[in-house]
N, C-alpha and C. Protein backbone atom coordinates (compact mmCIF):
# COMPACT_ATOMS: atom_id res chain seq x y z
N MET A 1 -6.72 -3.72 -4.54
CA MET A 1 -6.29 -3.15 -3.25
C MET A 1 -7.44 -2.41 -2.58
N GLY A 2 -8.50 -2.15 -3.28
CA GLY A 2 -9.64 -1.51 -2.65
C GLY A 2 -9.56 0.00 -2.58
N THR A 3 -8.79 0.61 -3.44
CA THR A 3 -8.65 2.07 -3.39
C THR A 3 -9.83 2.80 -4.05
N GLU A 4 -10.77 2.04 -4.59
CA GLU A 4 -11.95 2.66 -5.19
C GLU A 4 -12.70 3.52 -4.19
N ILE A 5 -12.59 3.18 -2.93
CA ILE A 5 -13.27 3.94 -1.88
C ILE A 5 -12.82 5.39 -1.88
N LEU A 6 -11.57 5.64 -2.25
CA LEU A 6 -11.08 7.03 -2.32
C LEU A 6 -11.88 7.82 -3.35
N ASP A 7 -12.12 7.21 -4.50
CA ASP A 7 -12.92 7.88 -5.53
C ASP A 7 -14.34 8.12 -5.03
N GLU A 8 -14.91 7.13 -4.36
CA GLU A 8 -16.28 7.26 -3.85
C GLU A 8 -16.38 8.38 -2.82
N VAL A 9 -15.47 8.39 -1.87
CA VAL A 9 -15.51 9.41 -0.83
C VAL A 9 -15.24 10.79 -1.43
N PHE A 10 -14.28 10.87 -2.34
CA PHE A 10 -13.98 12.16 -2.96
C PHE A 10 -15.18 12.70 -3.73
N ALA A 11 -15.91 11.82 -4.40
CA ALA A 11 -17.11 12.25 -5.13
C ALA A 11 -18.14 12.83 -4.17
N VAL A 12 -18.29 12.23 -3.00
CA VAL A 12 -19.22 12.75 -1.99
C VAL A 12 -18.74 14.11 -1.49
N VAL A 13 -17.44 14.23 -1.23
CA VAL A 13 -16.89 15.51 -0.75
C VAL A 13 -17.13 16.60 -1.79
N GLU A 14 -16.87 16.30 -3.06
CA GLU A 14 -17.11 17.29 -4.11
C GLU A 14 -18.60 17.66 -4.19
N ASP A 15 -19.46 16.67 -4.03
CA ASP A 15 -20.89 16.94 -4.05
C ASP A 15 -21.30 17.84 -2.88
N ARG A 16 -20.74 17.58 -1.71
CA ARG A 16 -21.05 18.43 -0.54
C ARG A 16 -20.52 19.84 -0.74
N ARG A 17 -19.41 19.97 -1.47
CA ARG A 17 -18.88 21.29 -1.80
C ARG A 17 -19.82 22.02 -2.75
N ASP A 18 -20.26 21.31 -3.78
CA ASP A 18 -21.08 21.91 -4.83
C ASP A 18 -22.55 22.03 -4.46
N ASN A 19 -23.01 21.13 -3.61
CA ASN A 19 -24.42 21.07 -3.20
C ASN A 19 -24.49 20.88 -1.70
N PRO A 20 -24.17 21.92 -0.93
CA PRO A 20 -24.16 21.77 0.53
C PRO A 20 -25.45 21.14 1.03
N LYS A 21 -25.27 20.24 1.98
CA LYS A 21 -26.39 19.49 2.55
C LYS A 21 -26.50 19.82 4.03
N LYS A 22 -27.68 20.21 4.44
CA LYS A 22 -27.91 20.54 5.84
C LYS A 22 -27.59 19.32 6.71
N GLY A 23 -26.87 19.56 7.78
CA GLY A 23 -26.50 18.48 8.69
C GLY A 23 -25.25 17.72 8.30
N SER A 24 -24.66 18.06 7.16
CA SER A 24 -23.47 17.37 6.70
C SER A 24 -22.22 17.97 7.33
N TYR A 25 -21.42 17.12 7.97
CA TYR A 25 -20.15 17.56 8.55
C TYR A 25 -19.26 18.16 7.46
N THR A 26 -19.20 17.50 6.32
CA THR A 26 -18.33 17.95 5.23
C THR A 26 -18.77 19.32 4.72
N SER A 27 -20.06 19.51 4.54
CA SER A 27 -20.57 20.81 4.09
C SER A 27 -20.23 21.90 5.10
N ARG A 28 -20.42 21.60 6.38
CA ARG A 28 -20.10 22.59 7.43
C ARG A 28 -18.62 22.92 7.43
N LEU A 29 -17.78 21.90 7.32
CA LEU A 29 -16.34 22.11 7.34
C LEU A 29 -15.91 22.98 6.15
N LEU A 30 -16.41 22.66 4.97
CA LEU A 30 -16.05 23.44 3.78
C LEU A 30 -16.51 24.89 3.91
N ALA A 31 -17.68 25.10 4.48
CA ALA A 31 -18.21 26.46 4.63
C ALA A 31 -17.49 27.25 5.72
N SER A 32 -16.89 26.55 6.67
CA SER A 32 -16.28 27.21 7.82
C SER A 32 -14.98 27.95 7.48
N GLY A 33 -14.33 27.53 6.41
CA GLY A 33 -13.03 28.12 6.08
C GLY A 33 -11.91 27.61 6.96
N LYS A 34 -12.18 26.56 7.73
CA LYS A 34 -11.17 26.04 8.66
C LYS A 34 -10.65 24.67 8.23
N VAL A 35 -10.68 24.42 6.94
CA VAL A 35 -10.27 23.12 6.41
C VAL A 35 -8.79 22.84 6.73
N LEU A 36 -7.94 23.83 6.57
CA LEU A 36 -6.51 23.62 6.82
C LEU A 36 -6.22 23.41 8.30
N GLU A 37 -6.94 24.11 9.15
CA GLU A 37 -6.78 23.91 10.59
C GLU A 37 -7.13 22.48 10.97
N LYS A 38 -8.21 21.97 10.38
CA LYS A 38 -8.64 20.60 10.68
C LYS A 38 -7.63 19.59 10.15
N LEU A 39 -7.08 19.86 8.97
CA LEU A 39 -6.04 18.98 8.43
C LEU A 39 -4.85 18.91 9.37
N ASP A 40 -4.43 20.05 9.87
CA ASP A 40 -3.31 20.10 10.80
C ASP A 40 -3.61 19.30 12.07
N GLU A 41 -4.81 19.48 12.58
CA GLU A 41 -5.24 18.75 13.78
C GLU A 41 -5.19 17.24 13.55
N GLU A 42 -5.73 16.80 12.42
CA GLU A 42 -5.78 15.37 12.13
C GLU A 42 -4.39 14.78 11.92
N ALA A 43 -3.49 15.54 11.30
CA ALA A 43 -2.12 15.06 11.12
C ALA A 43 -1.45 14.86 12.48
N GLY A 44 -1.69 15.79 13.38
CA GLY A 44 -1.12 15.66 14.73
C GLY A 44 -1.68 14.46 15.46
N GLU A 45 -2.97 14.21 15.29
CA GLU A 45 -3.59 13.06 15.94
C GLU A 45 -3.03 11.74 15.42
N LEU A 46 -2.75 11.69 14.11
CA LEU A 46 -2.14 10.47 13.56
C LEU A 46 -0.73 10.29 14.11
N ALA A 47 0.03 11.36 14.16
CA ALA A 47 1.39 11.27 14.71
C ALA A 47 1.36 10.79 16.15
N GLU A 48 0.43 11.32 16.92
CA GLU A 48 0.29 10.92 18.31
C GLU A 48 -0.08 9.44 18.43
N ALA A 49 -1.01 8.99 17.59
CA ALA A 49 -1.40 7.58 17.61
C ALA A 49 -0.24 6.68 17.23
N ALA A 50 0.56 7.12 16.26
CA ALA A 50 1.70 6.32 15.82
C ALA A 50 2.76 6.20 16.91
N GLU A 51 2.90 7.25 17.70
CA GLU A 51 3.84 7.18 18.83
C GLU A 51 3.40 6.14 19.84
N GLY A 52 2.09 6.02 20.02
CA GLY A 52 1.55 5.04 20.96
C GLY A 52 1.56 3.63 20.44
N LYS A 53 1.72 3.48 19.14
CA LYS A 53 1.85 2.17 18.50
C LYS A 53 0.60 1.29 18.63
N ASN A 54 -0.55 1.89 18.90
CA ASN A 54 -1.81 1.15 18.94
C ASN A 54 -2.34 1.08 17.52
N LYS A 55 -2.28 -0.11 16.91
CA LYS A 55 -2.62 -0.25 15.50
C LYS A 55 -4.03 0.23 15.20
N LYS A 56 -4.99 -0.09 16.04
CA LYS A 56 -6.37 0.33 15.81
C LYS A 56 -6.49 1.85 15.80
N ALA A 57 -5.80 2.51 16.72
CA ALA A 57 -5.82 3.97 16.78
C ALA A 57 -5.13 4.57 15.55
N ILE A 58 -4.06 3.95 15.10
CA ILE A 58 -3.35 4.44 13.92
C ILE A 58 -4.25 4.34 12.69
N VAL A 59 -4.93 3.22 12.53
CA VAL A 59 -5.84 3.04 11.40
C VAL A 59 -6.95 4.08 11.44
N HIS A 60 -7.53 4.29 12.61
CA HIS A 60 -8.61 5.27 12.77
C HIS A 60 -8.13 6.68 12.41
N GLU A 61 -7.00 7.07 12.94
CA GLU A 61 -6.50 8.42 12.69
C GLU A 61 -6.00 8.59 11.25
N ALA A 62 -5.46 7.52 10.66
CA ALA A 62 -5.04 7.59 9.26
C ALA A 62 -6.26 7.81 8.37
N ALA A 63 -7.36 7.12 8.66
CA ALA A 63 -8.59 7.31 7.88
C ALA A 63 -9.09 8.74 8.03
N ASP A 64 -9.05 9.27 9.25
CA ASP A 64 -9.45 10.67 9.47
C ASP A 64 -8.59 11.61 8.64
N LEU A 65 -7.29 11.40 8.66
CA LEU A 65 -6.38 12.29 7.92
C LEU A 65 -6.61 12.19 6.42
N ILE A 66 -6.76 10.98 5.90
CA ILE A 66 -7.00 10.81 4.47
C ILE A 66 -8.29 11.51 4.07
N PHE A 67 -9.34 11.37 4.88
CA PHE A 67 -10.60 12.05 4.59
C PHE A 67 -10.39 13.55 4.52
N HIS A 68 -9.67 14.09 5.49
CA HIS A 68 -9.48 15.54 5.53
C HIS A 68 -8.55 16.03 4.41
N ILE A 69 -7.65 15.17 3.95
CA ILE A 69 -6.86 15.51 2.77
C ILE A 69 -7.79 15.64 1.56
N LEU A 70 -8.74 14.72 1.44
CA LEU A 70 -9.69 14.80 0.33
C LEU A 70 -10.51 16.08 0.40
N VAL A 71 -10.87 16.49 1.61
CA VAL A 71 -11.62 17.74 1.77
C VAL A 71 -10.78 18.93 1.33
N VAL A 72 -9.51 18.95 1.69
CA VAL A 72 -8.62 20.04 1.27
C VAL A 72 -8.50 20.06 -0.25
N LEU A 73 -8.30 18.91 -0.86
CA LEU A 73 -8.20 18.86 -2.32
C LEU A 73 -9.45 19.44 -2.97
N ALA A 74 -10.61 19.02 -2.50
CA ALA A 74 -11.87 19.52 -3.07
C ALA A 74 -12.01 21.02 -2.85
N ALA A 75 -11.64 21.47 -1.67
CA ALA A 75 -11.75 22.90 -1.36
C ALA A 75 -10.87 23.74 -2.27
N LYS A 76 -9.74 23.19 -2.66
CA LYS A 76 -8.79 23.92 -3.50
C LYS A 76 -8.95 23.62 -4.99
N GLY A 77 -9.96 22.82 -5.34
CA GLY A 77 -10.22 22.54 -6.74
C GLY A 77 -9.23 21.59 -7.38
N VAL A 78 -8.59 20.77 -6.57
CA VAL A 78 -7.63 19.79 -7.08
C VAL A 78 -8.35 18.45 -7.20
N LYS A 79 -8.26 17.83 -8.36
CA LYS A 79 -8.88 16.53 -8.57
C LYS A 79 -8.01 15.44 -7.97
N LEU A 80 -8.64 14.44 -7.42
CA LEU A 80 -7.92 13.31 -6.84
C LEU A 80 -7.04 12.66 -7.91
N GLU A 81 -7.53 12.59 -9.13
CA GLU A 81 -6.76 11.98 -10.21
C GLU A 81 -5.44 12.73 -10.44
N GLU A 82 -5.41 14.03 -10.21
CA GLU A 82 -4.17 14.79 -10.35
C GLU A 82 -3.12 14.31 -9.35
N VAL A 83 -3.56 14.03 -8.15
CA VAL A 83 -2.64 13.53 -7.12
C VAL A 83 -2.19 12.12 -7.47
N MET A 84 -3.13 11.29 -7.94
CA MET A 84 -2.77 9.92 -8.31
C MET A 84 -1.77 9.92 -9.46
N GLU A 85 -1.96 10.83 -10.41
CA GLU A 85 -1.02 10.92 -11.53
C GLU A 85 0.36 11.35 -11.04
N GLU A 86 0.42 12.25 -10.08
CA GLU A 86 1.71 12.66 -9.52
C GLU A 86 2.39 11.48 -8.84
N LEU A 87 1.61 10.67 -8.14
CA LEU A 87 2.19 9.48 -7.51
C LEU A 87 2.70 8.50 -8.57
N ARG A 88 1.92 8.34 -9.66
CA ARG A 88 2.37 7.46 -10.75
C ARG A 88 3.67 7.99 -11.36
N ARG A 89 3.73 9.31 -11.56
CA ARG A 89 4.93 9.92 -12.13
C ARG A 89 6.15 9.65 -11.24
N ARG A 90 5.97 9.75 -9.96
CA ARG A 90 7.08 9.51 -9.04
C ARG A 90 7.50 8.05 -8.98
N ARG A 91 6.57 7.18 -9.29
CA ARG A 91 6.84 5.74 -9.23
C ARG A 91 7.72 5.28 -10.39
N ARG A 92 7.68 6.01 -11.49
CA ARG A 92 8.43 5.62 -12.69
C ARG A 92 9.91 5.67 -12.50
């Protein structure tokens, strides 16, 4: 299904958290303390795109939201695998 990209992106987000890189959007966002505000903004943008029913816009905003979810997880010290395990648990 190609979900390996989630692991790849999450590894980069964790690296930016642990080793801030000048010019990195992720490093700036993590340092700003406004991660939750950005998550809220991105969720609203996805909802707005879904109301418009433009598939390309929905895909774009969904990717933005997923990325920002990964940033929140990293900021809070939650491993992506913990979330995947919770999803597996619910699937049973």
